[in-house]
Amino acid sequence: MGAGKSSVGKRVAKALGVPFTDTDRVIVREHGPIPGIFADRGELAFRALEADAVRTALGTGGVIAVGGGAVTHAATREALSGARIVLLTVSPEAVAERIAGSDRPLLANGGIDAWQTIMDERAATYAELAHVVVDTSRRPMSRVVDEVVTWLRSDSNAPTTEGAP
């Protein structure tokens, strides 16, 4: 959360000339605001919607930004198994500024402490799935994008899904 998946993903897609999908935006467009889904239907229902959005996006191809918790759902991890995965990281200090005033349901009670707890819980899964890790903490967005694009272009032996990074 707060690492810049949407901002970086959009710019990487543009640099590569491929489509960009933000699965959180797809869910909002099709099912309403994420905090409302969490409140009305619960996290498990949201994760199922998210898994469907990820599978659909993978079928379209291009660059896909998935929510930070998407990988907690087994169906999403399975769907991502053939994709090249970039893990964007961010330090607690840098993310504190980014998430201030956020309406993210999992941070509603706890702010940066909740963020750190969530990161600690997900760290092993992120490490297992990621093919490359890029820190976004205090680096210019253009540098982060260039690093991801360079890796994708040079990583010709990486697994792909319909050519989708």
N, C-alpha and C. Protein backbone atom coordinates (compact mmCIF):
# COMPACT_ATOMS: atom_id res chain seq x y z
N MET A 1 0.83 -1.19 0.00
CA MET A 1 0.00 0.00 0.00
C MET A 1 0.87 1.25 0.00
N GLY A 2 0.58 2.13 -0.92
CA GLY A 2 1.28 3.40 -0.95
C GLY A 2 2.64 3.38 -1.62
N ALA A 3 2.95 2.29 -2.32
CA ALA A 3 4.26 2.19 -2.97
C ALA A 3 4.28 2.85 -4.34
N GLY A 4 3.10 3.15 -4.89
CA GLY A 4 3.05 3.82 -6.19
C GLY A 4 2.70 2.90 -7.34
N LYS A 5 2.02 1.80 -7.07
CA LYS A 5 1.71 0.82 -8.11
C LYS A 5 0.97 1.44 -9.29
N SER A 6 -0.04 2.23 -9.01
CA SER A 6 -0.83 2.82 -10.09
C SER A 6 -0.03 3.84 -10.89
N SER A 7 0.65 4.72 -10.19
CA SER A 7 1.43 5.76 -10.87
C SER A 7 2.56 5.16 -11.71
N VAL A 8 3.30 4.24 -11.13
CA VAL A 8 4.41 3.60 -11.85
C VAL A 8 3.86 2.74 -12.99
N GLY A 9 2.84 1.94 -12.69
CA GLY A 9 2.29 1.05 -13.70
C GLY A 9 1.80 1.77 -14.93
N LYS A 10 1.11 2.89 -14.72
CA LYS A 10 0.59 3.67 -15.84
C LYS A 10 1.74 4.17 -16.72
N ARG A 11 2.79 4.65 -16.10
CA ARG A 11 3.94 5.18 -16.86
C ARG A 11 4.72 4.07 -17.55
N VAL A 12 4.85 2.91 -16.90
CA VAL A 12 5.54 1.78 -17.52
C VAL A 12 4.76 1.32 -18.74
N ALA A 13 3.45 1.21 -18.62
CA ALA A 13 2.62 0.79 -19.76
C ALA A 13 2.78 1.75 -20.93
N LYS A 14 2.77 3.05 -20.63
CA LYS A 14 2.93 4.04 -21.69
C LYS A 14 4.29 3.89 -22.37
N ALA A 15 5.35 3.70 -21.58
CA ALA A 15 6.69 3.54 -22.14
C ALA A 15 6.79 2.30 -23.02
N LEU A 16 6.06 1.25 -22.67
CA LEU A 16 6.11 0.01 -23.43
C LEU A 16 5.07 -0.05 -24.55
N GLY A 17 4.14 0.91 -24.55
CA GLY A 17 3.09 0.92 -25.57
C GLY A 17 2.09 -0.22 -25.41
N VAL A 18 1.77 -0.55 -24.16
CA VAL A 18 0.83 -1.62 -23.87
C VAL A 18 -0.30 -1.09 -22.98
N PRO A 19 -1.41 -1.82 -22.88
CA PRO A 19 -2.51 -1.38 -22.02
C PRO A 19 -2.11 -1.37 -20.54
N PHE A 20 -2.82 -0.56 -19.76
CA PHE A 20 -2.63 -0.51 -18.31
C PHE A 20 -3.97 -0.77 -17.65
N THR A 21 -3.96 -1.64 -16.63
CA THR A 21 -5.16 -1.91 -15.84
C THR A 21 -4.81 -1.79 -14.37
N ASP A 22 -5.61 -1.01 -13.66
CA ASP A 22 -5.51 -0.91 -12.21
C ASP A 22 -6.71 -1.68 -11.68
N THR A 23 -6.47 -2.83 -11.06
CA THR A 23 -7.58 -3.69 -10.66
C THR A 23 -8.46 -3.03 -9.60
N ASP A 24 -7.89 -2.18 -8.74
CA ASP A 24 -8.73 -1.48 -7.78
C ASP A 24 -9.72 -0.56 -8.49
N ARG A 25 -9.28 0.11 -9.53
CA ARG A 25 -10.18 1.00 -10.28
C ARG A 25 -11.27 0.21 -10.99
N VAL A 26 -10.91 -0.97 -11.49
CA VAL A 26 -11.91 -1.83 -12.14
C VAL A 26 -12.98 -2.22 -11.12
N ILE A 27 -12.55 -2.61 -9.93
CA ILE A 27 -13.50 -3.01 -8.89
C ILE A 27 -14.41 -1.85 -8.52
N VAL A 28 -13.86 -0.67 -8.35
CA VAL A 28 -14.66 0.51 -8.01
C VAL A 28 -15.68 0.79 -9.10
N ARG A 29 -15.23 0.73 -10.34
CA ARG A 29 -16.12 1.00 -11.48
C ARG A 29 -17.27 -0.01 -11.53
N GLU A 30 -16.99 -1.27 -11.24
CA GLU A 30 -17.99 -2.32 -11.38
C GLU A 30 -18.81 -2.58 -10.12
N HIS A 31 -18.24 -2.28 -8.93
CA HIS A 31 -18.90 -2.68 -7.69
C HIS A 31 -19.04 -1.57 -6.65
N GLY A 32 -18.48 -0.40 -6.93
CA GLY A 32 -18.58 0.70 -5.98
C GLY A 32 -17.31 0.87 -5.16
N PRO A 33 -17.29 1.86 -4.29
CA PRO A 33 -16.09 2.18 -3.51
C PRO A 33 -15.61 1.01 -2.65
N ILE A 34 -14.31 0.83 -2.60
CA ILE A 34 -13.72 -0.28 -1.86
C ILE A 34 -14.06 -0.23 -0.37
N PRO A 35 -14.00 0.95 0.28
CA PRO A 35 -14.38 0.95 1.70
C PRO A 35 -15.81 0.45 1.92
N GLY A 36 -16.70 0.75 0.99
CA GLY A 36 -18.07 0.26 1.09
C GLY A 36 -18.16 -1.24 0.93
N ILE A 37 -17.38 -1.79 0.02
CA ILE A 37 -17.37 -3.25 -0.16
C ILE A 37 -16.89 -3.93 1.11
N PHE A 38 -15.80 -3.41 1.69
CA PHE A 38 -15.28 -3.97 2.95
C PHE A 38 -16.35 -3.89 4.04
N ALA A 39 -17.00 -2.73 4.16
CA ALA A 39 -17.99 -2.52 5.23
C ALA A 39 -19.23 -3.40 5.04
N ASP A 40 -19.71 -3.49 3.80
CA ASP A 40 -20.97 -4.20 3.54
C ASP A 40 -20.81 -5.70 3.36
N ARG A 41 -19.69 -6.10 2.74
CA ARG A 41 -19.55 -7.51 2.36
C ARG A 41 -18.35 -8.20 2.98
N GLY A 42 -17.40 -7.42 3.50
CA GLY A 42 -16.24 -8.01 4.15
C GLY A 42 -15.05 -8.18 3.23
N GLU A 43 -13.90 -8.39 3.86
CA GLU A 43 -12.66 -8.52 3.09
C GLU A 43 -12.67 -9.74 2.18
N LEU A 44 -13.21 -10.87 2.63
CA LEU A 44 -13.20 -12.08 1.79
C LEU A 44 -13.96 -11.86 0.49
N ALA A 45 -15.09 -11.19 0.55
CA ALA A 45 -15.85 -10.89 -0.67
C ALA A 45 -15.05 -9.96 -1.57
N PHE A 46 -14.40 -8.97 -0.97
CA PHE A 46 -13.58 -8.07 -1.77
C PHE A 46 -12.46 -8.84 -2.46
N ARG A 47 -11.79 -9.74 -1.74
CA ARG A 47 -10.67 -10.49 -2.33
C ARG A 47 -11.15 -11.37 -3.49
N ALA A 48 -12.35 -11.89 -3.42
CA ALA A 48 -12.90 -12.68 -4.52
C ALA A 48 -13.14 -11.79 -5.74
N LEU A 49 -13.69 -10.59 -5.52
CA LEU A 49 -13.86 -9.64 -6.63
C LEU A 49 -12.51 -9.28 -7.23
N GLU A 50 -11.54 -9.09 -6.36
CA GLU A 50 -10.20 -8.73 -6.79
C GLU A 50 -9.58 -9.84 -7.63
N ALA A 51 -9.74 -11.09 -7.21
CA ALA A 51 -9.20 -12.23 -7.97
C ALA A 51 -9.81 -12.26 -9.38
N ASP A 52 -11.11 -12.02 -9.48
CA ASP A 52 -11.76 -11.98 -10.79
C ASP A 52 -11.19 -10.85 -11.65
N ALA A 53 -11.00 -9.68 -11.04
CA ALA A 53 -10.45 -8.53 -11.77
C ALA A 53 -9.04 -8.83 -12.26
N VAL A 54 -8.23 -9.49 -11.45
CA VAL A 54 -6.86 -9.83 -11.85
C VAL A 54 -6.88 -10.82 -13.01
N ARG A 55 -7.70 -11.85 -12.92
CA ARG A 55 -7.78 -12.84 -14.02
C ARG A 55 -8.21 -12.17 -15.32
N THR A 56 -9.19 -11.29 -15.25
CA THR A 56 -9.66 -10.59 -16.45
C THR A 56 -8.54 -9.72 -17.02
N ALA A 57 -7.85 -8.99 -16.16
CA ALA A 57 -6.76 -8.11 -16.60
C ALA A 57 -5.64 -8.91 -17.23
N LEU A 58 -5.31 -10.05 -16.67
CA LEU A 58 -4.26 -10.88 -17.25
C LEU A 58 -4.65 -11.37 -18.63
N GLY A 59 -5.93 -11.61 -18.84
CA GLY A 59 -6.41 -12.01 -20.16
C GLY A 59 -6.27 -10.91 -21.19
N THR A 60 -6.36 -9.67 -20.74
CA THR A 60 -6.20 -8.51 -21.62
C THR A 60 -4.73 -8.26 -21.92
N GLY A 61 -3.88 -8.50 -20.94
CA GLY A 61 -2.45 -8.28 -21.11
C GLY A 61 -2.05 -6.86 -20.76
N GLY A 62 -0.78 -6.57 -20.91
CA GLY A 62 -0.26 -5.25 -20.59
C GLY A 62 0.29 -5.20 -19.18
N VAL A 63 0.31 -4.00 -18.62
CA VAL A 63 0.79 -3.79 -17.25
C VAL A 63 -0.43 -3.74 -16.34
N ILE A 64 -0.33 -4.47 -15.24
CA ILE A 64 -1.46 -4.58 -14.32
C ILE A 64 -0.99 -4.20 -12.93
N ALA A 65 -1.68 -3.24 -12.32
CA ALA A 65 -1.42 -2.88 -10.93
C ALA A 65 -2.47 -3.59 -10.09
N VAL A 66 -2.01 -4.45 -9.20
CA VAL A 66 -2.93 -5.16 -8.31
C VAL A 66 -2.81 -4.58 -6.91
N GLY A 67 -3.90 -4.61 -6.18
CA GLY A 67 -3.87 -4.12 -4.81
C GLY A 67 -2.87 -4.89 -3.98
N GLY A 68 -2.35 -4.23 -2.95
CA GLY A 68 -1.32 -4.83 -2.12
C GLY A 68 -1.74 -6.12 -1.45
N GLY A 69 -3.03 -6.29 -1.18
CA GLY A 69 -3.51 -7.49 -0.52
C GLY A 69 -3.97 -8.57 -1.47
N ALA A 70 -3.92 -8.32 -2.77
CA ALA A 70 -4.41 -9.29 -3.74
C ALA A 70 -3.74 -10.64 -3.58
N VAL A 71 -2.48 -10.64 -3.26
CA VAL A 71 -1.73 -11.90 -3.17
C VAL A 71 -2.07 -12.71 -1.93
N THR A 72 -2.92 -12.19 -1.06
CA THR A 72 -3.35 -12.97 0.10
C THR A 72 -4.42 -13.98 -0.30
N HIS A 73 -4.94 -13.86 -1.51
CA HIS A 73 -5.98 -14.76 -2.02
C HIS A 73 -5.34 -15.80 -2.93
N ALA A 74 -5.57 -17.07 -2.63
CA ALA A 74 -4.93 -18.17 -3.37
C ALA A 74 -5.22 -18.11 -4.87
N ALA A 75 -6.45 -17.77 -5.25
CA ALA A 75 -6.80 -17.72 -6.68
C ALA A 75 -6.01 -16.63 -7.40
N THR A 76 -5.75 -15.53 -6.72
CA THR A 76 -4.96 -14.46 -7.33
C THR A 76 -3.52 -14.90 -7.49
N ARG A 77 -2.95 -15.52 -6.46
CA ARG A 77 -1.56 -16.01 -6.57
C ARG A 77 -1.44 -17.00 -7.72
N GLU A 78 -2.41 -17.88 -7.85
CA GLU A 78 -2.39 -18.86 -8.94
C GLU A 78 -2.47 -18.17 -10.30
N ALA A 79 -3.35 -17.20 -10.42
CA ALA A 79 -3.50 -16.47 -11.69
C ALA A 79 -2.21 -15.75 -12.08
N LEU A 80 -1.48 -15.26 -11.09
CA LEU A 80 -0.25 -14.50 -11.35
C LEU A 80 0.96 -15.38 -11.63
N SER A 81 0.80 -16.68 -11.52
CA SER A 81 1.96 -17.58 -11.60
C SER A 81 2.74 -17.48 -12.90
N GLY A 82 2.13 -17.09 -13.99
CA GLY A 82 2.86 -16.99 -15.25
C GLY A 82 3.32 -15.59 -15.61
N ALA A 83 3.04 -14.62 -14.75
CA ALA A 83 3.34 -13.22 -15.06
C ALA A 83 4.69 -12.80 -14.49
N ARG A 84 5.29 -11.79 -15.10
CA ARG A 84 6.49 -11.17 -14.54
C ARG A 84 6.02 -10.18 -13.49
N ILE A 85 6.53 -10.31 -12.30
CA ILE A 85 6.03 -9.51 -11.18
C ILE A 85 7.11 -8.59 -10.64
N VAL A 86 6.77 -7.31 -10.60
CA VAL A 86 7.63 -6.29 -10.02
C VAL A 86 7.02 -5.91 -8.68
N LEU A 87 7.82 -6.01 -7.63
CA LEU A 87 7.39 -5.60 -6.31
C LEU A 87 7.93 -4.20 -6.05
N LEU A 88 7.03 -3.25 -5.87
CA LEU A 88 7.43 -1.89 -5.51
C LEU A 88 7.40 -1.80 -3.99
N THR A 89 8.51 -1.35 -3.41
CA THR A 89 8.58 -1.20 -1.96
C THR A 89 8.68 0.28 -1.61
N VAL A 90 8.38 0.57 -0.36
CA VAL A 90 8.45 1.94 0.13
C VAL A 90 8.75 1.88 1.62
N SER A 91 9.55 2.81 2.08
CA SER A 91 9.90 2.84 3.51
C SER A 91 8.71 3.36 4.32
N PRO A 92 8.65 3.01 5.61
CA PRO A 92 7.57 3.52 6.46
C PRO A 92 7.55 5.06 6.49
N GLU A 93 8.71 5.68 6.49
CA GLU A 93 8.77 7.15 6.53
C GLU A 93 8.16 7.77 5.28
N ALA A 94 8.49 7.21 4.13
CA ALA A 94 7.97 7.75 2.88
C ALA A 94 6.47 7.46 2.72
N VAL A 95 6.06 6.26 3.12
CA VAL A 95 4.65 5.91 2.94
C VAL A 95 3.74 6.68 3.89
N ALA A 96 4.26 7.08 5.05
CA ALA A 96 3.44 7.83 6.01
C ALA A 96 2.86 9.08 5.36
N GLU A 97 3.68 9.77 4.54
CA GLU A 97 3.20 10.95 3.84
C GLU A 97 2.16 10.59 2.79
N ARG A 98 2.35 9.46 2.14
CA ARG A 98 1.47 9.06 1.04
C ARG A 98 0.10 8.59 1.51
N ILE A 99 0.04 7.97 2.68
CA ILE A 99 -1.23 7.41 3.14
C ILE A 99 -1.98 8.32 4.11
N ALA A 100 -1.38 9.44 4.46
CA ALA A 100 -2.05 10.38 5.37
C ALA A 100 -3.40 10.77 4.81
N GLY A 101 -4.45 10.64 5.62
CA GLY A 101 -5.79 11.00 5.19
C GLY A 101 -6.43 9.99 4.25
N SER A 102 -5.84 8.82 4.13
CA SER A 102 -6.33 7.79 3.23
C SER A 102 -7.63 7.17 3.72
N ASP A 103 -8.43 6.67 2.78
CA ASP A 103 -9.65 5.95 3.16
C ASP A 103 -9.47 4.44 2.99
N ARG A 104 -8.23 3.98 3.02
CA ARG A 104 -7.95 2.55 2.85
C ARG A 104 -8.52 1.79 4.04
N PRO A 105 -9.40 0.82 3.77
CA PRO A 105 -10.09 0.13 4.86
C PRO A 105 -9.17 -0.54 5.87
N LEU A 106 -8.09 -1.13 5.42
CA LEU A 106 -7.22 -1.84 6.35
C LEU A 106 -6.37 -0.90 7.20
N LEU A 107 -6.38 0.40 6.88
CA LEU A 107 -5.61 1.36 7.66
C LEU A 107 -6.50 2.26 8.50
N ALA A 108 -7.80 2.02 8.44
CA ALA A 108 -8.76 2.90 9.12
C ALA A 108 -8.46 3.03 10.61
N ASN A 109 -8.04 1.97 11.22
CA ASN A 109 -7.72 2.00 12.65
C ASN A 109 -6.25 1.63 12.84
N GLY A 110 -5.38 2.60 12.77
CA GLY A 110 -3.99 2.28 13.05
C GLY A 110 -2.97 2.98 12.19
N GLY A 111 -3.35 3.57 11.07
CA GLY A 111 -2.42 4.33 10.24
C GLY A 111 -1.13 3.60 9.92
N ILE A 112 -0.01 4.24 10.17
CA ILE A 112 1.30 3.70 9.80
C ILE A 112 1.62 2.42 10.57
N ASP A 113 1.15 2.30 11.81
CA ASP A 113 1.38 1.05 12.55
C ASP A 113 0.63 -0.11 11.90
N ALA A 114 -0.59 0.15 11.45
CA ALA A 114 -1.36 -0.88 10.75
C ALA A 114 -0.67 -1.24 9.44
N TRP A 115 -0.16 -0.22 8.74
CA TRP A 115 0.57 -0.47 7.48
C TRP A 115 1.76 -1.38 7.74
N GLN A 116 2.53 -1.11 8.77
CA GLN A 116 3.72 -1.92 9.08
C GLN A 116 3.33 -3.35 9.42
N THR A 117 2.28 -3.52 10.19
CA THR A 117 1.81 -4.87 10.54
C THR A 117 1.42 -5.64 9.29
N ILE A 118 0.68 -4.99 8.40
CA ILE A 118 0.26 -5.62 7.15
C ILE A 118 1.48 -5.99 6.30
N MET A 119 2.43 -5.07 6.20
CA MET A 119 3.64 -5.35 5.42
C MET A 119 4.39 -6.54 5.99
N ASP A 120 4.53 -6.59 7.30
CA ASP A 120 5.23 -7.71 7.94
C ASP A 120 4.52 -9.03 7.65
N GLU A 121 3.19 -9.02 7.68
CA GLU A 121 2.41 -10.24 7.41
C GLU A 121 2.55 -10.70 5.96
N ARG A 122 2.70 -9.77 5.04
CA ARG A 122 2.73 -10.12 3.61
C ARG A 122 4.14 -10.28 3.04
N ALA A 123 5.15 -9.92 3.78
CA ALA A 123 6.52 -9.86 3.26
C ALA A 123 6.97 -11.16 2.60
N ALA A 124 6.72 -12.28 3.23
CA ALA A 124 7.18 -13.56 2.68
C ALA A 124 6.48 -13.87 1.36
N THR A 125 5.19 -13.58 1.26
CA THR A 125 4.46 -13.83 0.01
C THR A 125 4.97 -12.91 -1.08
N TYR A 126 5.17 -11.63 -0.76
CA TYR A 126 5.71 -10.70 -1.74
C TYR A 126 7.06 -11.18 -2.26
N ALA A 127 7.94 -11.58 -1.35
CA ALA A 127 9.28 -12.03 -1.73
C ALA A 127 9.21 -13.28 -2.60
N GLU A 128 8.30 -14.16 -2.30
CA GLU A 128 8.15 -15.40 -3.06
C GLU A 128 7.69 -15.14 -4.50
N LEU A 129 6.80 -14.18 -4.68
CA LEU A 129 6.22 -13.92 -6.00
C LEU A 129 7.05 -12.98 -6.88
N ALA A 130 7.78 -12.07 -6.26
CA ALA A 130 8.47 -11.02 -7.02
C ALA A 130 9.65 -11.55 -7.82
N HIS A 131 9.76 -11.07 -9.05
CA HIS A 131 10.92 -11.36 -9.88
C HIS A 131 11.97 -10.27 -9.75
N VAL A 132 11.53 -9.07 -9.41
CA VAL A 132 12.43 -7.94 -9.18
C VAL A 132 11.77 -7.02 -8.15
N VAL A 133 12.62 -6.39 -7.34
CA VAL A 133 12.14 -5.48 -6.31
C VAL A 133 12.71 -4.09 -6.60
N VAL A 134 11.83 -3.08 -6.61
CA VAL A 134 12.24 -1.71 -6.89
C VAL A 134 11.70 -0.82 -5.77
N ASP A 135 12.58 -0.09 -5.11
CA ASP A 135 12.15 0.80 -4.04
C ASP A 135 11.72 2.14 -4.62
N THR A 136 10.62 2.66 -4.11
CA THR A 136 10.06 3.93 -4.60
C THR A 136 10.14 5.04 -3.55
N SER A 137 10.78 4.79 -2.44
CA SER A 137 10.71 5.67 -1.27
C SER A 137 11.03 7.13 -1.57
N ARG A 138 12.20 7.40 -1.97
CA ARG A 138 12.64 8.79 -2.17
C ARG A 138 13.32 8.96 -3.52
N ARG A 139 12.82 8.25 -4.51
CA ARG A 139 13.42 8.30 -5.83
C ARG A 139 12.45 8.97 -6.79
N PRO A 140 12.98 9.69 -7.75
CA PRO A 140 12.08 10.30 -8.75
C PRO A 140 11.30 9.21 -9.49
N MET A 141 10.03 9.50 -9.74
CA MET A 141 9.17 8.55 -10.44
C MET A 141 9.79 8.12 -11.76
N SER A 142 10.41 9.06 -12.48
CA SER A 142 11.00 8.73 -13.78
C SER A 142 12.09 7.68 -13.64
N ARG A 143 12.85 7.73 -12.57
CA ARG A 143 13.93 6.76 -12.35
C ARG A 143 13.36 5.37 -12.05
N VAL A 144 12.30 5.33 -11.24
CA VAL A 144 11.64 4.06 -10.93
C VAL A 144 11.09 3.44 -12.21
N VAL A 145 10.40 4.24 -12.99
CA VAL A 145 9.82 3.75 -14.25
C VAL A 145 10.92 3.25 -15.18
N ASP A 146 11.98 4.01 -15.33
CA ASP A 146 13.09 3.59 -16.20
C ASP A 146 13.68 2.26 -15.74
N GLU A 147 13.81 2.08 -14.44
CA GLU A 147 14.37 0.83 -13.92
C GLU A 147 13.45 -0.36 -14.24
N VAL A 148 12.16 -0.17 -14.07
CA VAL A 148 11.21 -1.26 -14.36
C VAL A 148 11.21 -1.56 -15.86
N VAL A 149 11.14 -0.53 -16.69
CA VAL A 149 11.11 -0.73 -18.14
C VAL A 149 12.40 -1.42 -18.61
N THR A 150 13.53 -0.99 -18.09
CA THR A 150 14.81 -1.62 -18.47
C THR A 150 14.80 -3.09 -18.09
N TRP A 151 14.34 -3.41 -16.89
CA TRP A 151 14.29 -4.81 -16.46
C TRP A 151 13.36 -5.62 -17.37
N LEU A 152 12.18 -5.09 -17.65
CA LEU A 152 11.23 -5.82 -18.48
C LEU A 152 11.79 -6.08 -19.87
N ARG A 153 12.44 -5.09 -20.43
CA ARG A 153 13.00 -5.25 -21.78
C ARG A 153 14.19 -6.19 -21.81
N SER A 154 14.94 -6.27 -20.73
CA SER A 154 16.13 -7.13 -20.70
C SER A 154 15.83 -8.52 -20.19
N ASP A 155 14.67 -8.72 -19.63
CA ASP A 155 14.32 -9.98 -19.00
C ASP A 155 13.60 -10.89 -19.99
N SER A 156 14.27 -11.21 -21.08
CA SER A 156 13.62 -11.96 -22.15
C SER A 156 13.35 -13.41 -21.78
N ASN A 157 13.99 -13.94 -20.75
CA ASN A 157 13.75 -15.32 -20.35
C ASN A 157 12.69 -15.46 -19.28
N ALA A 158 12.12 -14.35 -18.86
CA ALA A 158 11.11 -14.40 -17.80
C ALA A 158 9.82 -14.99 -18.33
N PRO A 159 9.04 -15.64 -17.45
CA PRO A 159 7.74 -16.14 -17.88
C PRO A 159 6.82 -14.98 -18.23
N THR A 160 5.94 -15.21 -19.17
CA THR A 160 5.01 -14.16 -19.57
C THR A 160 3.59 -14.72 -19.65
N THR A 161 2.65 -13.84 -19.63
CA THR A 161 1.25 -14.17 -19.85
C THR A 161 0.79 -13.27 -20.98
N GLU A 162 0.66 -13.84 -22.16
CA GLU A 162 0.23 -13.05 -23.33
C GLU A 162 1.10 -11.82 -23.49
N GLY A 163 2.37 -11.91 -23.16
CA GLY A 163 3.28 -10.79 -23.30
C GLY A 163 3.12 -9.74 -22.22
N ALA A 164 2.36 -10.04 -21.18
CA ALA A 164 2.09 -9.05 -20.13
C ALA A 164 3.17 -9.05 -19.06
N PRO A 165 3.71 -7.87 -18.75
CA PRO A 165 4.65 -7.83 -17.62
C PRO A 165 3.90 -7.95 -16.31
